[in-house]
Amino acid sequence: MHISTFVVGHTAAIFPHGDIDHEALPALRAAADALPPDVRTVTWAMDQVSFMDTTALHLLHEQRTAARHRGRTLFVRGLRPQHHRLLTVAASVSPTMDFLALNRCR
């Protein structure tokens, strides 16, 4: 897993490259935790993520909770068909996991 992070002013974007699975989770969390405290908008750009398992659900749930606590706005973009399927199934089981309806999570 390679992760690129860009910060411009109060806006940050995190670009994971590769699969989001259990092995990638520590690096993904570290990328988010390393953001400056004055960042107000965070975008997770999933364009280069070829596969995600339930680890991505946990990551996005954690990131949404952290964004709320820090007064940030969270965006998720670049979702592929497999990502959509995973998020749709998760939302059907648990409405609190509905990241597609909340493409902009606050």
PDB file of N, CA and C in Angstrom:
ATOM      1  N   MET A   1       0.851  -1.174   0.000  1.00  0.00           N
ATOM      2  CA  MET A   1       0.000   0.000   0.000  1.00  0.00           C
ATOM      3  C   MET A   1       0.890   1.228   0.000  1.00  0.00           C
ATOM      4  N   HIS A   2       0.659   2.064  -0.970  1.00  0.00           N
ATOM      5  CA  HIS A   2       1.326   3.362  -1.052  1.00  0.00           C
ATOM      6  C   HIS A   2       0.249   4.415  -0.821  1.00  0.00           C
ATOM      7  N   ILE A   3       0.557   5.432  -0.055  1.00  0.00           N
ATOM      8  CA  ILE A   3      -0.422   6.479   0.255  1.00  0.00           C
ATOM      9  C   ILE A   3       0.200   7.833  -0.028  1.00  0.00           C
ATOM     10  N   SER A   4      -0.480   8.629  -0.831  1.00  0.00           N
ATOM     11  CA  SER A   4      -0.066  10.007  -1.084  1.00  0.00           C
ATOM     12  C   SER A   4      -1.015  10.924  -0.324  1.00  0.00           C
ATOM     13  N   THR A   5      -0.460  11.921   0.323  1.00  0.00           N
ATOM     14  CA  THR A   5      -1.270  12.888   1.057  1.00  0.00           C
ATOM     15  C   THR A   5      -0.859  14.286   0.618  1.00  0.00           C
ATOM     16  N   PHE A   6      -1.864  15.102   0.338  1.00  0.00           N
ATOM     17  CA  PHE A   6      -1.626  16.482  -0.063  1.00  0.00           C
ATOM     18  C   PHE A   6      -2.420  17.395   0.857  1.00  0.00           C
ATOM     19  N   VAL A   7      -1.770  18.441   1.338  1.00  0.00           N
ATOM     20  CA  VAL A   7      -2.426  19.422   2.194  1.00  0.00           C
ATOM     21  C   VAL A   7      -2.190  20.792   1.571  1.00  0.00           C
ATOM     22  N   VAL A   8      -3.290  21.508   1.345  1.00  0.00           N
ATOM     23  CA  VAL A   8      -3.229  22.875   0.842  1.00  0.00           C
ATOM     24  C   VAL A   8      -4.143  23.700   1.738  1.00  0.00           C
ATOM     25  N   GLY A   9      -3.549  24.559   2.514  1.00  0.00           N
ATOM     26  CA  GLY A   9      -4.341  25.367   3.442  1.00  0.00           C
ATOM     27  C   GLY A   9      -5.072  24.493   4.440  1.00  0.00           C
ATOM     28  N   HIS A  10      -6.387  24.632   4.463  1.00  0.00           N
ATOM     29  CA  HIS A  10      -7.223  23.875   5.403  1.00  0.00           C
ATOM     30  C   HIS A  10      -7.851  22.654   4.756  1.00  0.00           C
ATOM     31  N   THR A  11      -7.331  22.254   3.598  1.00  0.00           N
ATOM     32  CA  THR A  11      -7.890  21.139   2.844  1.00  0.00           C
ATOM     33  C   THR A  11      -6.824  20.061   2.659  1.00  0.00           C
ATOM     34  N   ALA A  12      -7.236  18.797   2.840  1.00  0.00           N
ATOM     35  CA  ALA A  12      -6.312  17.681   2.656  1.00  0.00           C
ATOM     36  C   ALA A  12      -6.974  16.622   1.789  1.00  0.00           C
ATOM     37  N   ALA A  13      -6.137  15.902   1.057  1.00  0.00           N
ATOM     38  CA  ALA A  13      -6.599  14.765   0.266  1.00  0.00           C
ATOM     39  C   ALA A  13      -5.657  13.596   0.527  1.00  0.00           C
ATOM     40  N   ILE A  14      -6.250  12.436   0.750  1.00  0.00           N
ATOM     41  CA  ILE A  14      -5.498  11.212   0.993  1.00  0.00           C
ATOM     42  C   ILE A  14      -5.798  10.268  -0.164  1.00  0.00           C
ATOM     43  N   PHE A  15      -4.746   9.821  -0.844  1.00  0.00           N
ATOM     44  CA  PHE A  15      -4.861   8.966  -2.017  1.00  0.00           C
ATOM     45  C   PHE A  15      -4.216   7.606  -1.740  1.00  0.00           C
ATOM     46  N   PRO A  16      -4.990   6.611  -1.318  1.00  0.00           N
ATOM     47  CA  PRO A  16      -4.421   5.267  -1.181  1.00  0.00           C
ATOM     48  C   PRO A  16      -4.212   4.650  -2.569  1.00  0.00           C
ATOM     49  N   HIS A  17      -3.152   3.880  -2.728  1.00  0.00           N
ATOM     50  CA  HIS A  17      -2.859   3.181  -3.985  1.00  0.00           C
ATOM     51  C   HIS A  17      -2.698   1.707  -3.649  1.00  0.00           C
ATOM     52  N   GLY A  18      -3.594   0.870  -4.160  1.00  0.00           N
ATOM     53  CA  GLY A  18      -3.534  -0.563  -3.879  1.00  0.00           C
ATOM     54  C   GLY A  18      -4.816  -1.035  -3.235  1.00  0.00           C
ATOM     55  N   ASP A  19      -4.750  -2.164  -2.542  1.00  0.00           N
ATOM     56  CA  ASP A  19      -5.920  -2.741  -1.892  1.00  0.00           C
ATOM     57  C   ASP A  19      -6.063  -2.201  -0.472  1.00  0.00           C
ATOM     58  N   ILE A  20      -7.300  -1.973  -0.065  1.00  0.00           N
ATOM     59  CA  ILE A  20      -7.560  -1.632   1.335  1.00  0.00           C
ATOM     60  C   ILE A  20      -8.021  -2.915   2.011  1.00  0.00           C
ATOM     61  N   ASP A  21      -7.108  -3.461   2.801  1.00  0.00           N
ATOM     62  CA  ASP A  21      -7.391  -4.663   3.572  1.00  0.00           C
ATOM     63  C   ASP A  21      -6.763  -4.497   4.955  1.00  0.00           C
ATOM     64  N   HIS A  22      -6.843  -5.541   5.747  1.00  0.00           N
ATOM     65  CA  HIS A  22      -6.369  -5.448   7.134  1.00  0.00           C
ATOM     66  C   HIS A  22      -4.909  -5.009   7.226  1.00  0.00           C
ATOM     67  N   GLU A  23      -4.076  -5.473   6.317  1.00  0.00           N
ATOM     68  CA  GLU A  23      -2.659  -5.124   6.361  1.00  0.00           C
ATOM     69  C   GLU A  23      -2.417  -3.644   6.080  1.00  0.00           C
ATOM     70  N   ALA A  24      -3.292  -3.018   5.318  1.00  0.00           N
ATOM     71  CA  ALA A  24      -3.121  -1.612   4.954  1.00  0.00           C
ATOM     72  C   ALA A  24      -3.640  -0.649   6.021  1.00  0.00           C
ATOM     73  N   LEU A  25      -4.470  -1.140   6.924  1.00  0.00           N
ATOM     74  CA  LEU A  25      -5.150  -0.267   7.883  1.00  0.00           C
ATOM     75  C   LEU A  25      -4.204   0.597   8.728  1.00  0.00           C
ATOM     76  N   PRO A  26      -3.131   0.070   9.303  1.00  0.00           N
ATOM     77  CA  PRO A  26      -2.257   0.944  10.110  1.00  0.00           C
ATOM     78  C   PRO A  26      -1.685   2.121   9.315  1.00  0.00           C
ATOM     79  N   ALA A  27      -1.279   1.884   8.087  1.00  0.00           N
ATOM     80  CA  ALA A  27      -0.720   2.972   7.268  1.00  0.00           C
ATOM     81  C   ALA A  27      -1.791   4.001   6.919  1.00  0.00           C
ATOM     82  N   LEU A  28      -3.003   3.544   6.659  1.00  0.00           N
ATOM     83  CA  LEU A  28      -4.098   4.465   6.337  1.00  0.00           C
ATOM     84  C   LEU A  28      -4.456   5.327   7.550  1.00  0.00           C
ATOM     85  N   ARG A  29      -4.523   4.696   8.702  1.00  0.00           N
ATOM     86  CA  ARG A  29      -4.798   5.453   9.929  1.00  0.00           C
ATOM     87  C   ARG A  29      -3.690   6.462  10.199  1.00  0.00           C
ATOM     88  N   ALA A  30      -2.446   6.047   9.991  1.00  0.00           N
ATOM     89  CA  ALA A  30      -1.310   6.943  10.228  1.00  0.00           C
ATOM     90  C   ALA A  30      -1.362   8.153   9.303  1.00  0.00           C
ATOM     91  N   ALA A  31      -1.765   7.939   8.052  1.00  0.00           N
ATOM     92  CA  ALA A  31      -1.873   9.058   7.104  1.00  0.00           C
ATOM     93  C   ALA A  31      -2.909  10.063   7.588  1.00  0.00           C
ATOM     94  N   ALA A  32      -4.040   9.575   8.053  1.00  0.00           N
ATOM     95  CA  ALA A  32      -5.086  10.475   8.553  1.00  0.00           C
ATOM     96  C   ALA A  32      -4.649  11.165   9.844  1.00  0.00           C
ATOM     97  N   ASP A  33      -4.014  10.417  10.731  1.00  0.00           N
ATOM     98  CA  ASP A  33      -3.575  10.990  12.012  1.00  0.00           C
ATOM     99  C   ASP A  33      -2.486  12.040  11.831  1.00  0.00           C
ATOM    100  N   ALA A  34      -1.736  11.970  10.739  1.00  0.00           N
ATOM    101  CA  ALA A  34      -0.638  12.917  10.496  1.00  0.00           C
ATOM    102  C   ALA A  34      -1.108  14.250   9.932  1.00  0.00           C
ATOM    103  N   LEU A  35      -2.383  14.373   9.626  1.00  0.00           N
ATOM    104  CA  LEU A  35      -2.876  15.642   9.078  1.00  0.00           C
ATOM    105  C   LEU A  35      -2.761  16.745  10.128  1.00  0.00           C
ATOM    106  N   PRO A  36      -2.442  17.947   9.688  1.00  0.00           N
ATOM    107  CA  PRO A  36      -2.365  19.067  10.629  1.00  0.00           C
ATOM    108  C   PRO A  36      -3.720  19.317  11.298  1.00  0.00           C
ATOM    109  N   PRO A  37      -3.706  19.764  12.530  1.00  0.00           N
ATOM    110  CA  PRO A  37      -4.970  19.967  13.248  1.00  0.00           C
ATOM    111  C   PRO A  37      -5.864  21.048  12.648  1.00  0.00           C
ATOM    112  N   ASP A  38      -5.310  21.959  11.856  1.00  0.00           N
ATOM    113  CA  ASP A  38      -6.136  23.028  11.291  1.00  0.00           C
ATOM    114  C   ASP A  38      -6.821  22.635   9.978  1.00  0.00           C
ATOM    115  N   VAL A  39      -6.643  21.387   9.539  1.00  0.00           N
ATOM    116  CA  VAL A  39      -7.341  20.915   8.341  1.00  0.00           C
ATOM    117  C   VAL A  39      -8.832  20.829   8.647  1.00  0.00           C
ATOM    118  N   ARG A  40      -9.650  21.378   7.767  1.00  0.00           N
ATOM    119  CA  ARG A  40     -11.104  21.400   7.959  1.00  0.00           C
ATOM    120  C   ARG A  40     -11.859  20.517   6.970  1.00  0.00           C
ATOM    121  N   THR A  41     -11.218  20.172   5.862  1.00  0.00           N
ATOM    122  CA  THR A  41     -11.848  19.320   4.855  1.00  0.00           C
ATOM    123  C   THR A  41     -10.877  18.215   4.470  1.00  0.00           C
ATOM    124  N   VAL A  42     -11.358  16.965   4.537  1.00  0.00           N
ATOM    125  CA  VAL A  42     -10.533  15.816   4.173  1.00  0.00           C
ATOM    126  C   VAL A  42     -11.257  15.022   3.096  1.00  0.00           C
ATOM    127  N   THR A  43     -10.538  14.744   2.008  1.00  0.00           N
ATOM    128  CA  THR A  43     -11.080  13.908   0.935  1.00  0.00           C
ATOM    129  C   THR A  43     -10.276  12.620   0.875  1.00  0.00           C
ATOM    130  N   TRP A  44     -10.982  11.503   0.933  1.00  0.00           N
ATOM    131  CA  TRP A  44     -10.377  10.201   0.678  1.00  0.00           C
ATOM    132  C   TRP A  44     -10.644   9.898  -0.785  1.00  0.00           C
ATOM    133  N   ALA A  45      -9.604   9.887  -1.594  1.00  0.00           N
ATOM    134  CA  ALA A  45      -9.716   9.654  -3.036  1.00  0.00           C
ATOM    135  C   ALA A  45      -9.399   8.190  -3.320  1.00  0.00           C
ATOM    136  N   MET A  46     -10.420   7.432  -3.687  1.00  0.00           N
ATOM    137  CA  MET A  46     -10.284   5.987  -3.851  1.00  0.00           C
ATOM    138  C   MET A  46     -10.029   5.568  -5.302  1.00  0.00           C
ATOM    139  N   ASP A  47      -9.672   6.517  -6.149  1.00  0.00           N
ATOM    140  CA  ASP A  47      -9.468   6.245  -7.575  1.00  0.00           C
ATOM    141  C   ASP A  47      -8.476   5.120  -7.840  1.00  0.00           C
ATOM    142  N   GLN A  48      -7.423   5.018  -7.034  1.00  0.00           N
ATOM    143  CA  GLN A  48      -6.373   4.032  -7.257  1.00  0.00           C
ATOM    144  C   GLN A  48      -6.467   2.824  -6.327  1.00  0.00           C
ATOM    145  N   VAL A  49      -7.631   2.654  -5.709  1.00  0.00           N
ATOM    146  CA  VAL A  49      -7.866   1.491  -4.851  1.00  0.00           C
ATOM    147  C   VAL A  49      -8.567   0.441  -5.701  1.00  0.00           C
ATOM    148  N   SER A  50      -7.875  -0.661  -5.948  1.00  0.00           N
ATOM    149  CA  SER A  50      -8.442  -1.689  -6.825  1.00  0.00           C
ATOM    150  C   SER A  50      -9.430  -2.586  -6.097  1.00  0.00           C
ATOM    151  N   PHE A  51      -9.264  -2.764  -4.799  1.00  0.00           N
ATOM    152  CA  PHE A  51     -10.132  -3.655  -4.017  1.00  0.00           C
ATOM    153  C   PHE A  51     -10.212  -3.130  -2.598  1.00  0.00           C
ATOM    154  N   MET A  52     -11.378  -3.266  -1.999  1.00  0.00           N
ATOM    155  CA  MET A  52     -11.512  -2.972  -0.578  1.00  0.00           C
ATOM    156  C   MET A  52     -12.395  -4.030   0.055  1.00  0.00           C
ATOM    157  N   ASP A  53     -12.017  -4.445   1.270  1.00  0.00           N
ATOM    158  CA  ASP A  53     -12.842  -5.381   2.011  1.00  0.00           C
ATOM    159  C   ASP A  53     -13.485  -4.635   3.183  1.00  0.00           C
ATOM    160  N   THR A  54     -13.967  -5.366   4.149  1.00  0.00           N
ATOM    161  CA  THR A  54     -14.662  -4.720   5.271  1.00  0.00           C
ATOM    162  C   THR A  54     -13.759  -3.792   6.064  1.00  0.00           C
ATOM    163  N   THR A  55     -12.476  -3.922   5.892  1.00  0.00           N
ATOM    164  CA  THR A  55     -11.545  -2.985   6.530  1.00  0.00           C
ATOM    165  C   THR A  55     -11.869  -1.555   6.118  1.00  0.00           C
ATOM    166  N   ALA A  56     -12.239  -1.358   4.866  1.00  0.00           N
ATOM    167  CA  ALA A  56     -12.587  -0.020   4.385  1.00  0.00           C
ATOM    168  C   ALA A  56     -13.811   0.516   5.107  1.00  0.00           C
ATOM    169  N   LEU A  57     -14.758  -0.361   5.427  1.00  0.00           N
ATOM    170  CA  LEU A  57     -15.935   0.074   6.178  1.00  0.00           C
ATOM    171  C   LEU A  57     -15.524   0.605   7.548  1.00  0.00           C
ATOM    172  N   HIS A  58     -14.657  -0.124   8.213  1.00  0.00           N
ATOM    173  CA  HIS A  58     -14.170   0.319   9.524  1.00  0.00           C
ATOM    174  C   HIS A  58     -13.404   1.634   9.408  1.00  0.00           C
ATOM    175  N   LEU A  59     -12.550   1.715   8.400  1.00  0.00           N
ATOM    176  CA  LEU A  59     -11.774   2.941   8.188  1.00  0.00           C
ATOM    177  C   LEU A  59     -12.695   4.138   7.960  1.00  0.00           C
ATOM    178  N   LEU A  60     -13.649   4.004   7.068  1.00  0.00           N
ATOM    179  CA  LEU A  60     -14.537   5.129   6.762  1.00  0.00           C
ATOM    180  C   LEU A  60     -15.408   5.505   7.956  1.00  0.00           C
ATOM    181  N   HIS A  61     -15.843   4.506   8.707  1.00  0.00           N
ATOM    182  CA  HIS A  61     -16.619   4.801   9.915  1.00  0.00           C
ATOM    183  C   HIS A  61     -15.757   5.566  10.918  1.00  0.00           C
ATOM    184  N   GLU A  62     -14.528   5.118  11.120  1.00  0.00           N
ATOM    185  CA  GLU A  62     -13.604   5.821  12.023  1.00  0.00           C
ATOM    186  C   GLU A  62     -13.351   7.245  11.547  1.00  0.00           C
ATOM    187  N   GLN A  63     -13.150   7.388  10.253  1.00  0.00           N
ATOM    188  CA  GLN A  63     -12.844   8.712   9.702  1.00  0.00           C
ATOM    189  C   GLN A  63     -14.042   9.645   9.812  1.00  0.00           C
ATOM    190  N   ARG A  64     -15.245   9.120   9.621  1.00  0.00           N
ATOM    191  CA  ARG A  64     -16.438   9.961   9.771  1.00  0.00           C
ATOM    192  C   ARG A  64     -16.584  10.411  11.218  1.00  0.00           C
ATOM    193  N   THR A  65     -16.358   9.493  12.158  1.00  0.00           N
ATOM    194  CA  THR A  65     -16.440   9.837  13.585  1.00  0.00           C
ATOM    195  C   THR A  65     -15.369  10.865  13.949  1.00  0.00           C
ATOM    196  N   ALA A  66     -14.148  10.649  13.480  1.00  0.00           N
ATOM    197  CA  ALA A  66     -13.056  11.593  13.772  1.00  0.00           C
ATOM    198  C   ALA A  66     -13.343  12.964  13.167  1.00  0.00           C
ATOM    199  N   ALA A  67     -13.891  12.987  11.955  1.00  0.00           N
ATOM    200  CA  ALA A  67     -14.215  14.271  11.313  1.00  0.00           C
ATOM    201  C   ALA A  67     -15.235  15.038  12.142  1.00  0.00           C
ATOM    202  N   ARG A  68     -16.234  14.352  12.625  1.00  0.00           N
ATOM    203  CA  ARG A  68     -17.247  15.015  13.475  1.00  0.00           C
ATOM    204  C   ARG A  68     -16.611  15.607  14.723  1.00  0.00           C
ATOM    205  N   HIS A  69     -15.739  14.853  15.360  1.00  0.00           N
ATOM    206  CA  HIS A  69     -15.118  15.307  16.609  1.00  0.00           C
ATOM    207  C   HIS A  69     -14.160  16.467  16.385  1.00  0.00           C
ATOM    208  N   ARG A  70     -13.565  16.534  15.208  1.00  0.00           N
ATOM    209  CA  ARG A  70     -12.589  17.591  14.918  1.00  0.00           C
ATOM    210  C   ARG A  70     -13.192  18.759  14.145  1.00  0.00           C
ATOM    211  N   GLY A  71     -14.496  18.712  13.896  1.00  0.00           N
ATOM    212  CA  GLY A  71     -15.135  19.792  13.146  1.00  0.00           C
ATOM    213  C   GLY A  71     -14.746  19.807  11.685  1.00  0.00           C
ATOM    214  N   ARG A  72     -14.453  18.648  11.129  1.00  0.00           N
ATOM    215  CA  ARG A  72     -14.050  18.540   9.731  1.00  0.00           C
ATOM    216  C   ARG A  72     -15.204  18.047   8.861  1.00  0.00           C
ATOM    217  N   THR A  73     -15.074  18.318   7.584  1.00  0.00           N
ATOM    218  CA  THR A  73     -15.978  17.753   6.595  1.00  0.00           C
ATOM    219  C   THR A  73     -15.220  16.655   5.872  1.00  0.00           C
ATOM    220  N   LEU A  74     -15.875  15.511   5.700  1.00  0.00           N
ATOM    221  CA  LEU A  74     -15.250  14.355   5.075  1.00  0.00           C
ATOM    222  C   LEU A  74     -15.912  14.074   3.733  1.00  0.00           C
ATOM    223  N   PHE A  75     -15.085  13.901   2.709  1.00  0.00           N
ATOM    224  CA  PHE A  75     -15.552  13.512   1.381  1.00  0.00           C
ATOM    225  C   PHE A  75     -14.907  12.184   1.009  1.00  0.00           C
ATOM    226  N   VAL A  76     -15.643  11.378   0.259  1.00  0.00           N
ATOM    227  CA  VAL A  76     -15.100  10.155  -0.327  1.00  0.00           C
ATOM    228  C   VAL A  76     -15.405  10.234  -1.811  1.00  0.00           C
ATOM    229  N   ARG A  77     -14.371  10.062  -2.647  1.00  0.00           N
ATOM    230  CA  ARG A  77     -14.588  10.149  -4.083  1.00  0.00           C
ATOM    231  C   ARG A  77     -13.815   9.046  -4.784  1.00  0.00           C
ATOM    232  N   GLY A  78     -14.124   8.853  -6.052  1.00  0.00           N
ATOM    233  CA  GLY A  78     -13.399   7.885  -6.863  1.00  0.00           C
ATOM    234  C   GLY A  78     -13.773   6.444  -6.597  1.00  0.00           C
ATOM    235  N   LEU A  79     -15.000   6.228  -6.124  1.00  0.00           N
ATOM    236  CA  LEU A  79     -15.429   4.859  -5.828  1.00  0.00           C
ATOM    237  C   LEU A  79     -15.650   4.065  -7.107  1.00  0.00           C
ATOM    238  N   ARG A  80     -15.136   2.859  -7.129  1.00  0.00           N
ATOM    239  CA  ARG A  80     -15.283   1.943  -8.257  1.00  0.00           C
ATOM    240  C   ARG A  80     -16.507   1.047  -8.026  1.00  0.00           C
ATOM    241  N   PRO A  81     -16.917   0.281  -9.029  1.00  0.00           N
ATOM    242  CA  PRO A  81     -18.091  -0.597  -8.864  1.00  0.00           C
ATOM    243  C   PRO A  81     -17.983  -1.555  -7.669  1.00  0.00           C
ATOM    244  N   GLN A  82     -16.823  -2.145  -7.456  1.00  0.00           N
ATOM    245  CA  GLN A  82     -16.671  -3.055  -6.309  1.00  0.00           C
ATOM    246  C   GLN A  82     -16.839  -2.306  -4.999  1.00  0.00           C
ATOM    247  N   HIS A  83     -16.340  -1.097  -4.932  1.00  0.00           N
ATOM    248  CA  HIS A  83     -16.482  -0.275  -3.724  1.00  0.00           C
ATOM    249  C   HIS A  83     -17.960   0.026  -3.481  1.00  0.00           C
ATOM    250  N   HIS A  84     -18.657   0.430  -4.557  1.00  0.00           N
ATOM    251  CA  HIS A  84     -20.087   0.725  -4.443  1.00  0.00           C
ATOM    252  C   HIS A  84     -20.851  -0.483  -3.929  1.00  0.00           C
ATOM    253  N   ARG A  85     -20.538  -1.653  -4.451  1.00  0.00           N
ATOM    254  CA  ARG A  85     -21.228  -2.882  -4.038  1.00  0.00           C
ATOM    255  C   ARG A  85     -21.008  -3.134  -2.553  1.00  0.00           C
ATOM    256  N   LEU A  86     -19.779  -3.031  -2.096  1.00  0.00           N
ATOM    257  CA  LEU A  86     -19.475  -3.240  -0.685  1.00  0.00           C
ATOM    258  C   LEU A  86     -20.241  -2.251   0.189  1.00  0.00           C
ATOM    259  N   LEU A  87     -20.216  -0.980  -0.182  1.00  0.00           N
ATOM    260  CA  LEU A  87     -20.890   0.048   0.616  1.00  0.00           C
ATOM    261  C   LEU A  87     -22.406  -0.109   0.573  1.00  0.00           C
ATOM    262  N   THR A  88     -22.943  -0.544  -0.558  1.00  0.00           N
ATOM    263  CA  THR A  88     -24.387  -0.770  -0.676  1.00  0.00           C
ATOM    264  C   THR A  88     -24.830  -1.926   0.219  1.00  0.00           C
ATOM    265  N   VAL A  89     -24.090  -3.012   0.201  1.00  0.00           N
ATOM    266  CA  VAL A  89     -24.417  -4.158   1.051  1.00  0.00           C
ATOM    267  C   VAL A  89     -24.318  -3.765   2.521  1.00  0.00           C
ATOM    268  N   ALA A  90     -23.281  -3.041   2.888  1.00  0.00           N
ATOM    269  CA  ALA A  90     -23.117  -2.601   4.279  1.00  0.00           C
ATOM    270  C   ALA A  90     -24.284  -1.723   4.716  1.00  0.00           C
ATOM    271  N   ALA A  91     -24.712  -0.822   3.840  1.00  0.00           N
ATOM    272  CA  ALA A  91     -25.829   0.075   4.172  1.00  0.00           C
ATOM    273  C   ALA A  91     -27.130  -0.696   4.325  1.00  0.00           C
ATOM    274  N   SER A  92     -27.298  -1.772   3.567  1.00  0.00           N
ATOM    275  CA  SER A  92     -28.535  -2.557   3.685  1.00  0.00           C
ATOM    276  C   SER A  92     -28.586  -3.308   5.011  1.00  0.00           C
ATOM    277  N   VAL A  93     -27.431  -3.614   5.572  1.00  0.00           N
ATOM    278  CA  VAL A  93     -27.360  -4.315   6.850  1.00  0.00           C
ATOM    279  C   VAL A  93     -27.415  -3.326   8.011  1.00  0.00           C
ATOM    280  N   SER A  94     -26.724  -2.201   7.846  1.00  0.00           N
ATOM    281  CA  SER A  94     -26.657  -1.200   8.906  1.00  0.00           C
ATOM    282  C   SER A  94     -26.740   0.195   8.302  1.00  0.00           C
ATOM    283  N   PRO A  95     -27.857   0.885   8.493  1.00  0.00           N
ATOM    284  CA  PRO A  95     -28.005   2.231   7.909  1.00  0.00           C
ATOM    285  C   PRO A  95     -26.934   3.226   8.341  1.00  0.00           C
ATOM    286  N   THR A  96     -26.283   3.015   9.472  1.00  0.00           N
ATOM    287  CA  THR A  96     -25.224   3.934   9.898  1.00  0.00           C
ATOM    288  C   THR A  96     -23.985   3.805   9.025  1.00  0.00           C
ATOM    289  N   MET A  97     -23.938   2.769   8.198  1.00  0.00           N
ATOM    290  CA  MET A  97     -22.799   2.561   7.304  1.00  0.00           C
ATOM    291  C   MET A  97     -23.104   3.055   5.896  1.00  0.00           C
ATOM    292  N   ASP A  98     -24.092   3.909   5.735  1.00  0.00           N
ATOM    293  CA  ASP A  98     -24.499   4.366   4.409  1.00  0.00           C
ATOM    294  C   ASP A  98     -23.608   5.507   3.937  1.00  0.00           C
ATOM    295  N   PHE A  99     -22.453   5.150   3.409  1.00  0.00           N
ATOM    296  CA  PHE A  99     -21.495   6.143   2.935  1.00  0.00           C
ATOM    297  C   PHE A  99     -21.836   6.642   1.541  1.00  0.00           C
ATOM    298  N   LEU A 100     -22.635   5.900   0.777  1.00  0.00           N
ATOM    299  CA  LEU A 100     -23.007   6.368  -0.548  1.00  0.00           C
ATOM    300  C   LEU A 100     -24.001   7.519  -0.448  1.00  0.00           C
ATOM    301  N   ALA A 101     -24.957   7.411   0.450  1.00  0.00           N
ATOM    302  CA  ALA A 101     -25.919   8.496   0.635  1.00  0.00           C
ATOM    303  C   ALA A 101     -25.250   9.706   1.274  1.00  0.00           C
ATOM    304  N   LEU A 102     -24.203   9.464   2.008  1.00  0.00           N
ATOM    305  CA  LEU A 102     -23.477  10.541   2.675  1.00  0.00           C
ATOM    306  C   LEU A 102     -22.133  10.751   2.009  1.00  0.00           C
ATOM    307  N   ASN A 103     -22.128  10.825   0.668  1.00  0.00           N
ATOM    308  CA  ASN A 103     -20.871  11.026  -0.028  1.00  0.00           C
ATOM    309  C   ASN A 103     -20.127  12.227   0.562  1.00  0.00           C
ATOM    310  N   ARG A 104     -20.896  13.142   1.083  1.00  0.00           N
ATOM    311  CA  ARG A 104     -20.303  14.219   1.875  1.00  0.00           C
ATOM    312  C   ARG A 104     -20.743  13.965   3.307  1.00  0.00           C
ATOM    313  N   CYS A 105     -19.837  13.510   4.140  1.00  0.00           N
ATOM    314  CA  CYS A 105     -20.152  13.178   5.526  1.00  0.00           C
ATOM    315  C   CYS A 105     -19.710  14.321   6.419  1.00  0.00           C
ATOM    316  N   ARG A 106     -20.556  14.683   7.333  1.00  0.00           N
ATOM    317  CA  ARG A 106     -20.173  15.735   8.269  1.00  0.00           C
ATOM    318  C   ARG A 106     -20.324  15.260   9.682  1.00  0.00           C
TER     319      ARG A 106
END
